[in-house]
Amino acid sequence: MKESYQDILDFINKKKKSSDKKYWIEQFKLDLEEVDCCGRTALQYAVYNNDVELLEILIKSGAKIDAKDDFGLTPLQRAVFWNVLEVT
């Protein structure tokens, strides 16, 4: 059974060390532009979880910072919307 995109992101998010997160992103060959059922990318998921380390890894790995979800919001707009101050 293939893991869902959301399951992979949940798994990576639970890793404490940024080196572990980067390792698992590479192991899963995570498509940084893949979207979940609401059009959210891994970068938007990292914003939702206030995971600054994962945000940095994803941005350095080439994730699009202006990708919009199904509601037309970018990761930065989501950070403001969810009041994730550490990210903004």
C-alpha atoms as a PDB file:
ATOM      1  CA  MET A   1       0.000   0.000   0.000  1.00  0.00           C
ATOM      2  CA  LYS A   2       1.413   3.358  -1.016  1.00  0.00           C
ATOM      3  CA  GLU A   3       1.439   6.013   1.678  1.00  0.00           C
ATOM      4  CA  SER A   4      -0.668   9.059   0.993  1.00  0.00           C
ATOM      5  CA  TYR A   5       0.953  12.444   0.550  1.00  0.00           C
ATOM      6  CA  GLN A   6      -0.597  13.574   3.841  1.00  0.00           C
ATOM      7  CA  ASP A   7       0.756  10.504   5.683  1.00  0.00           C
ATOM      8  CA  ILE A   8       4.266  11.217   4.404  1.00  0.00           C
ATOM      9  CA  LEU A   9       4.052  14.856   5.487  1.00  0.00           C
ATOM     10  CA  ASP A  10       2.765  13.800   8.916  1.00  0.00           C
ATOM     11  CA  PHE A  11       5.650  11.347   9.248  1.00  0.00           C
ATOM     12  CA  ILE A  12       8.254  13.957   8.271  1.00  0.00           C
ATOM     13  CA  ASN A  13       6.707  16.583  10.517  1.00  0.00           C
ATOM     14  CA  LYS A  14       7.138  14.316  13.569  1.00  0.00           C
ATOM     15  CA  LYS A  15      10.906  14.193  13.099  1.00  0.00           C
ATOM     16  CA  LYS A  16      12.654  16.474  15.573  1.00  0.00           C
ATOM     17  CA  LYS A  17      15.980  17.069  13.833  1.00  0.00           C
ATOM     18  CA  SER A  18      16.121  19.010  10.589  1.00  0.00           C
ATOM     19  CA  SER A  19      18.691  16.547   9.212  1.00  0.00           C
ATOM     20  CA  ASP A  20      16.134  13.749   9.715  1.00  0.00           C
ATOM     21  CA  LYS A  21      13.451  15.766   7.935  1.00  0.00           C
ATOM     22  CA  LYS A  22      15.745  16.422   4.980  1.00  0.00           C
ATOM     23  CA  TYR A  23      16.738  12.736   4.878  1.00  0.00           C
ATOM     24  CA  TRP A  24      13.117  11.546   4.744  1.00  0.00           C
ATOM     25  CA  ILE A  25      12.150  14.133   2.126  1.00  0.00           C
ATOM     26  CA  GLU A  26      14.883  12.643  -0.048  1.00  0.00           C
ATOM     27  CA  GLN A  27      13.992   9.026   0.810  1.00  0.00           C
ATOM     28  CA  PHE A  28      10.325   9.484  -0.065  1.00  0.00           C
ATOM     29  CA  LYS A  29      11.331  11.472  -3.158  1.00  0.00           C
ATOM     30  CA  LEU A  30       8.750  13.994  -2.030  1.00  0.00           C
ATOM     31  CA  ASP A  31       7.369  16.033  -4.906  1.00  0.00           C
ATOM     32  CA  LEU A  32       7.464  19.545  -3.471  1.00  0.00           C
ATOM     33  CA  GLU A  33       4.668  20.653  -5.783  1.00  0.00           C
ATOM     34  CA  GLU A  34       2.302  17.759  -5.125  1.00  0.00           C
ATOM     35  CA  VAL A  35      -0.921  18.854  -3.484  1.00  0.00           C
ATOM     36  CA  ASP A  36      -3.353  17.298  -1.041  1.00  0.00           C
ATOM     37  CA  CYS A  37      -7.136  17.224  -1.359  1.00  0.00           C
ATOM     38  CA  CYS A  38      -7.309  20.988  -0.694  1.00  0.00           C
ATOM     39  CA  GLY A  39      -4.504  21.976  -3.037  1.00  0.00           C
ATOM     40  CA  ARG A  40      -1.965  22.461  -0.235  1.00  0.00           C
ATOM     41  CA  THR A  41       1.710  21.793  -0.902  1.00  0.00           C
ATOM     42  CA  ALA A  42       4.286  20.562   1.590  1.00  0.00           C
ATOM     43  CA  LEU A  43       5.259  24.194   2.195  1.00  0.00           C
ATOM     44  CA  GLN A  44       1.698  25.112   3.138  1.00  0.00           C
ATOM     45  CA  TYR A  45       1.537  22.068   5.384  1.00  0.00           C
ATOM     46  CA  ALA A  46       4.745  23.185   7.134  1.00  0.00           C
ATOM     47  CA  VAL A  47       3.181  26.624   7.688  1.00  0.00           C
ATOM     48  CA  TYR A  48       0.050  25.012   9.129  1.00  0.00           C
ATOM     49  CA  ASN A  49       2.228  23.060  11.581  1.00  0.00           C
ATOM     50  CA  ASN A  50       4.401  26.102  12.373  1.00  0.00           C
ATOM     51  CA  ASP A  51       7.443  24.005  11.443  1.00  0.00           C
ATOM     52  CA  VAL A  52      10.090  26.616  10.688  1.00  0.00           C
ATOM     53  CA  GLU A  53      12.829  24.020  10.181  1.00  0.00           C
ATOM     54  CA  LEU A  54      10.785  22.181   7.572  1.00  0.00           C
ATOM     55  CA  LEU A  55       9.913  25.480   5.889  1.00  0.00           C
ATOM     56  CA  GLU A  56      13.602  26.321   5.537  1.00  0.00           C
ATOM     57  CA  ILE A  57      14.414  22.871   4.162  1.00  0.00           C
ATOM     58  CA  LEU A  58      11.574  22.996   1.644  1.00  0.00           C
ATOM     59  CA  ILE A  59      12.440  26.509   0.458  1.00  0.00           C
ATOM     60  CA  LYS A  60      16.126  25.607   0.093  1.00  0.00           C
ATOM     61  CA  SER A  61      15.043  22.493  -1.825  1.00  0.00           C
ATOM     62  CA  GLY A  62      13.154  24.619  -4.342  1.00  0.00           C
ATOM     63  CA  ALA A  63       9.545  24.596  -3.117  1.00  0.00           C
ATOM     64  CA  LYS A  64       7.486  27.332  -4.758  1.00  0.00           C
ATOM     65  CA  ILE A  65       6.749  29.986  -2.170  1.00  0.00           C
ATOM     66  CA  ASP A  66       3.947  31.488  -4.255  1.00  0.00           C
ATOM     67  CA  ALA A  67       1.966  28.276  -4.876  1.00  0.00           C
ATOM     68  CA  LYS A  68      -1.727  28.840  -4.181  1.00  0.00           C
ATOM     69  CA  ASP A  69      -4.056  26.302  -2.616  1.00  0.00           C
ATOM     70  CA  ASP A  70      -7.653  25.660  -3.713  1.00  0.00           C
ATOM     71  CA  PHE A  71      -8.711  28.786  -1.810  1.00  0.00           C
ATOM     72  CA  GLY A  72      -6.208  30.954  -3.690  1.00  0.00           C
ATOM     73  CA  LEU A  73      -3.890  31.449  -0.713  1.00  0.00           C
ATOM     74  CA  THR A  74      -0.088  31.225  -0.694  1.00  0.00           C
ATOM     75  CA  PRO A  75       1.913  29.839   2.250  1.00  0.00           C
ATOM     76  CA  LEU A  76       2.640  33.380   3.501  1.00  0.00           C
ATOM     77  CA  GLN A  77      -1.022  34.327   3.315  1.00  0.00           C
ATOM     78  CA  ARG A  78      -1.867  31.156   5.250  1.00  0.00           C
ATOM     79  CA  ALA A  79       0.741  32.066   7.882  1.00  0.00           C
ATOM     80  CA  VAL A  80      -0.951  35.424   8.361  1.00  0.00           C
ATOM     81  CA  PHE A  81      -4.442  33.870   8.226  1.00  0.00           C
ATOM     82  CA  TRP A  82      -3.548  31.263  10.879  1.00  0.00           C
ATOM     83  CA  ASN A  83      -1.572  33.825  12.888  1.00  0.00           C
ATOM     84  CA  VAL A  84       1.580  31.713  12.757  1.00  0.00           C
ATOM     85  CA  LEU A  85       3.832  34.518  13.904  1.00  0.00           C
ATOM     86  CA  GLU A  86       7.025  32.485  14.095  1.00  0.00           C
ATOM     87  CA  VAL A  87       6.765  31.852  10.359  1.00  0.00           C
ATOM     88  CA  THR A  88       5.952  35.402   9.297  1.00  0.00           C
END
